[in-house]
Amino acid sequence: MGLFGFLLIGFGGALGSILRGLISIVFCSLSPWPTLFVNVSGAFLIGLFVKLMENSSDPDLFKAFWIIGVCGGFTTFSTFGMEMIDMLKSSQWSMSFIYIFLNVFGSVLAIITAFRLFSYFQS
């Protein structure tokens, strides 16, 4: 990929992290829901970017900036894990299972939706 590719990852990651931080600030009183939002919407974006990358003249650089950089900086598995620990420590069993389900299956469903939406608009 080379130095330029790594710079694209860094710039994309910075942009994604800033967007993630803004969402956390705006919705701070709704924690852990901002994490769910960024994970599912980030998965949707990854689905769209994967489809867009198929037509890119340089898919490696496209992937470096948008998928690894922006979406990687935007989504957050580590925060999801910490919020799960907090829920389990406070014996919020049903909420923790709902939260796991929504993050994991919501993200997969978001990618599938993005693929189908992209295909619908391509035809």
C-alpha atoms as a PDB file:
ATOM      1  CA  MET A   1       0.000   0.000   0.000  1.00  0.00           C
ATOM      2  CA  GLY A   2       2.842   2.372   0.703  1.00  0.00           C
ATOM      3  CA  LEU A   3       3.211   5.552   2.709  1.00  0.00           C
ATOM      4  CA  PHE A   4       0.347   7.348   0.948  1.00  0.00           C
ATOM      5  CA  GLY A   5      -2.036   4.546   1.878  1.00  0.00           C
ATOM      6  CA  PHE A   6      -1.059   4.768   5.527  1.00  0.00           C
ATOM      7  CA  LEU A   7      -1.518   8.540   5.452  1.00  0.00           C
ATOM      8  CA  LEU A   8      -5.006   8.020   4.048  1.00  0.00           C
ATOM      9  CA  ILE A   9      -5.780   5.592   6.868  1.00  0.00           C
ATOM     10  CA  GLY A  10      -4.545   8.144   9.409  1.00  0.00           C
ATOM     11  CA  PHE A  11      -6.527  11.037   7.952  1.00  0.00           C
ATOM     12  CA  GLY A  12      -9.624   8.891   7.563  1.00  0.00           C
ATOM     13  CA  GLY A  13      -9.251   7.594  11.109  1.00  0.00           C
ATOM     14  CA  ALA A  14      -8.959  11.131  12.429  1.00  0.00           C
ATOM     15  CA  LEU A  15     -12.121  12.152  10.589  1.00  0.00           C
ATOM     16  CA  GLY A  16     -14.021   9.088  11.832  1.00  0.00           C
ATOM     17  CA  SER A  17     -12.845   9.642  15.407  1.00  0.00           C
ATOM     18  CA  ILE A  18     -13.910  13.285  15.330  1.00  0.00           C
ATOM     19  CA  LEU A  19     -17.355  12.288  14.060  1.00  0.00           C
ATOM     20  CA  ARG A  20     -17.570   9.631  16.776  1.00  0.00           C
ATOM     21  CA  GLY A  21     -16.609  12.194  19.415  1.00  0.00           C
ATOM     22  CA  LEU A  22     -19.229  14.661  18.195  1.00  0.00           C
ATOM     23  CA  ILE A  23     -21.947  12.033  18.422  1.00  0.00           C
ATOM     24  CA  SER A  24     -20.845  11.144  21.949  1.00  0.00           C
ATOM     25  CA  ILE A  25     -20.963  14.792  22.994  1.00  0.00           C
ATOM     26  CA  VAL A  26     -24.364  15.469  21.434  1.00  0.00           C
ATOM     27  CA  PHE A  27     -25.988  12.321  22.845  1.00  0.00           C
ATOM     28  CA  CYS A  28     -24.010  11.948  26.084  1.00  0.00           C
ATOM     29  CA  SER A  29     -27.127  11.542  28.215  1.00  0.00           C
ATOM     30  CA  LEU A  30     -28.280   8.542  26.177  1.00  0.00           C
ATOM     31  CA  SER A  31     -25.270   6.313  26.820  1.00  0.00           C
ATOM     32  CA  PRO A  32     -24.767   3.485  25.711  1.00  0.00           C
ATOM     33  CA  TRP A  33     -27.027   4.247  22.737  1.00  0.00           C
ATOM     34  CA  PRO A  34     -24.537   6.475  20.887  1.00  0.00           C
ATOM     35  CA  THR A  35     -22.234   3.444  20.662  1.00  0.00           C
ATOM     36  CA  LEU A  36     -25.041   1.363  19.184  1.00  0.00           C
ATOM     37  CA  PHE A  37     -25.769   4.155  16.702  1.00  0.00           C
ATOM     38  CA  VAL A  38     -22.159   4.512  15.530  1.00  0.00           C
ATOM     39  CA  ASN A  39     -21.625   0.760  15.278  1.00  0.00           C
ATOM     40  CA  VAL A  40     -24.773   0.127  13.229  1.00  0.00           C
ATOM     41  CA  SER A  41     -24.478   3.248  11.068  1.00  0.00           C
ATOM     42  CA  GLY A  42     -20.760   2.550  10.587  1.00  0.00           C
ATOM     43  CA  ALA A  43     -21.610  -0.971   9.439  1.00  0.00           C
ATOM     44  CA  PHE A  44     -24.114   0.502   6.982  1.00  0.00           C
ATOM     45  CA  LEU A  45     -21.425   2.860   5.661  1.00  0.00           C
ATOM     46  CA  ILE A  46     -18.964  -0.016   5.317  1.00  0.00           C
ATOM     47  CA  GLY A  47     -21.568  -1.887   3.276  1.00  0.00           C
ATOM     48  CA  LEU A  48     -22.016   1.114   0.977  1.00  0.00           C
ATOM     49  CA  PHE A  49     -18.271   1.710   0.704  1.00  0.00           C
ATOM     50  CA  VAL A  50     -17.594  -1.924  -0.172  1.00  0.00           C
ATOM     51  CA  LYS A  51     -20.090  -1.652  -3.019  1.00  0.00           C
ATOM     52  CA  LEU A  52     -18.674   1.704  -4.148  1.00  0.00           C
ATOM     53  CA  MET A  53     -15.155   0.275  -3.983  1.00  0.00           C
ATOM     54  CA  GLU A  54     -16.105  -2.312  -6.611  1.00  0.00           C
ATOM     55  CA  ASN A  55     -16.168   0.491  -9.207  1.00  0.00           C
ATOM     56  CA  SER A  56     -13.158   2.394  -7.865  1.00  0.00           C
ATOM     57  CA  SER A  57     -10.106   2.900 -10.049  1.00  0.00           C
ATOM     58  CA  ASP A  58      -7.864   2.339  -7.016  1.00  0.00           C
ATOM     59  CA  PRO A  59      -9.744   0.126  -4.534  1.00  0.00           C
ATOM     60  CA  ASP A  60      -6.808  -0.166  -2.117  1.00  0.00           C
ATOM     61  CA  LEU A  61      -6.633   3.589  -1.511  1.00  0.00           C
ATOM     62  CA  PHE A  62     -10.432   3.860  -1.377  1.00  0.00           C
ATOM     63  CA  LYS A  63     -10.508   1.076   1.219  1.00  0.00           C
ATOM     64  CA  ALA A  64      -7.630   2.629   3.169  1.00  0.00           C
ATOM     65  CA  PHE A  65      -9.364   5.981   3.594  1.00  0.00           C
ATOM     66  CA  TRP A  66     -13.068   5.138   3.811  1.00  0.00           C
ATOM     67  CA  ILE A  67     -13.297   1.632   5.272  1.00  0.00           C
ATOM     68  CA  ILE A  68     -10.176   1.226   7.425  1.00  0.00           C
ATOM     69  CA  GLY A  69      -9.748   4.925   8.219  1.00  0.00           C
ATOM     70  CA  VAL A  70     -13.119   6.680   8.482  1.00  0.00           C
ATOM     71  CA  CYS A  71     -15.266   3.694   9.478  1.00  0.00           C
ATOM     72  CA  GLY A  72     -12.532   2.219  11.664  1.00  0.00           C
ATOM     73  CA  GLY A  73     -12.199   5.494  13.559  1.00  0.00           C
ATOM     74  CA  PHE A  74     -15.972   5.966  13.712  1.00  0.00           C
ATOM     75  CA  THR A  75     -17.099   2.574  15.003  1.00  0.00           C
ATOM     76  CA  THR A  76     -16.040   1.285  18.387  1.00  0.00           C
ATOM     77  CA  PHE A  77     -15.950  -2.293  19.571  1.00  0.00           C
ATOM     78  CA  SER A  78     -13.936  -1.453  22.673  1.00  0.00           C
ATOM     79  CA  THR A  79     -16.515   1.016  23.995  1.00  0.00           C
ATOM     80  CA  PHE A  80     -19.224  -1.550  23.287  1.00  0.00           C
ATOM     81  CA  GLY A  81     -17.271  -4.072  25.378  1.00  0.00           C
ATOM     82  CA  MET A  82     -16.791  -1.658  28.279  1.00  0.00           C
ATOM     83  CA  GLU A  83     -20.461  -0.702  28.288  1.00  0.00           C
ATOM     84  CA  MET A  84     -21.334  -4.403  28.383  1.00  0.00           C
ATOM     85  CA  ILE A  85     -19.120  -4.872  31.431  1.00  0.00           C
ATOM     86  CA  ASP A  86     -20.823  -1.911  33.129  1.00  0.00           C
ATOM     87  CA  MET A  87     -24.276  -3.375  32.425  1.00  0.00           C
ATOM     88  CA  LEU A  88     -23.267  -6.797  33.692  1.00  0.00           C
ATOM     89  CA  LYS A  89     -21.691  -5.334  36.859  1.00  0.00           C
ATOM     90  CA  SER A  90     -24.959  -3.564  37.633  1.00  0.00           C
ATOM     91  CA  SER A  91     -26.946  -6.776  36.939  1.00  0.00           C
ATOM     92  CA  GLN A  92     -28.778  -5.354  33.943  1.00  0.00           C
ATOM     93  CA  TRP A  93     -29.030  -8.801  32.386  1.00  0.00           C
ATOM     94  CA  SER A  94     -31.899  -8.297  29.981  1.00  0.00           C
ATOM     95  CA  MET A  95     -30.592  -4.911  28.826  1.00  0.00           C
ATOM     96  CA  SER A  96     -27.124  -6.357  28.239  1.00  0.00           C
ATOM     97  CA  PHE A  97     -28.475  -9.169  26.055  1.00  0.00           C
ATOM     98  CA  ILE A  98     -30.635  -6.712  24.102  1.00  0.00           C
ATOM     99  CA  TYR A  99     -27.600  -4.475  23.668  1.00  0.00           C
ATOM    100  CA  ILE A 100     -25.456  -7.352  22.394  1.00  0.00           C
ATOM    101  CA  PHE A 101     -28.189  -8.432  20.001  1.00  0.00           C
ATOM    102  CA  LEU A 102     -28.768  -4.919  18.650  1.00  0.00           C
ATOM    103  CA  ASN A 103     -25.043  -4.254  18.130  1.00  0.00           C
ATOM    104  CA  VAL A 104     -24.169  -7.555  16.478  1.00  0.00           C
ATOM    105  CA  PHE A 105     -27.283  -8.319  14.462  1.00  0.00           C
ATOM    106  CA  GLY A 106     -28.025  -4.651  13.843  1.00  0.00           C
ATOM    107  CA  SER A 107     -24.592  -4.228  12.269  1.00  0.00           C
ATOM    108  CA  VAL A 108     -24.977  -7.315  10.078  1.00  0.00           C
ATOM    109  CA  LEU A 109     -28.468  -6.220   9.040  1.00  0.00           C
ATOM    110  CA  ALA A 110     -27.157  -2.727   8.271  1.00  0.00           C
ATOM    111  CA  ILE A 111     -24.504  -4.134   5.913  1.00  0.00           C
ATOM    112  CA  ILE A 112     -27.063  -6.351   4.166  1.00  0.00           C
ATOM    113  CA  THR A 113     -29.410  -3.359   3.861  1.00  0.00           C
ATOM    114  CA  ALA A 114     -26.633  -1.212   2.382  1.00  0.00           C
ATOM    115  CA  PHE A 115     -25.791  -3.933  -0.168  1.00  0.00           C
ATOM    116  CA  ARG A 116     -29.426  -4.265  -1.211  1.00  0.00           C
ATOM    117  CA  LEU A 117     -30.020  -0.529  -1.270  1.00  0.00           C
ATOM    118  CA  PHE A 118     -26.941  -0.029  -3.431  1.00  0.00           C
ATOM    119  CA  SER A 119     -28.036  -2.807  -5.802  1.00  0.00           C
ATOM    120  CA  TYR A 120     -31.537  -1.325  -6.002  1.00  0.00           C
ATOM    121  CA  PHE A 121     -30.225   2.080  -7.049  1.00  0.00           C
ATOM    122  CA  GLN A 122     -27.745   0.536  -9.503  1.00  0.00           C
ATOM    123  CA  SER A 123     -30.450  -1.209 -11.511  1.00  0.00           C
END
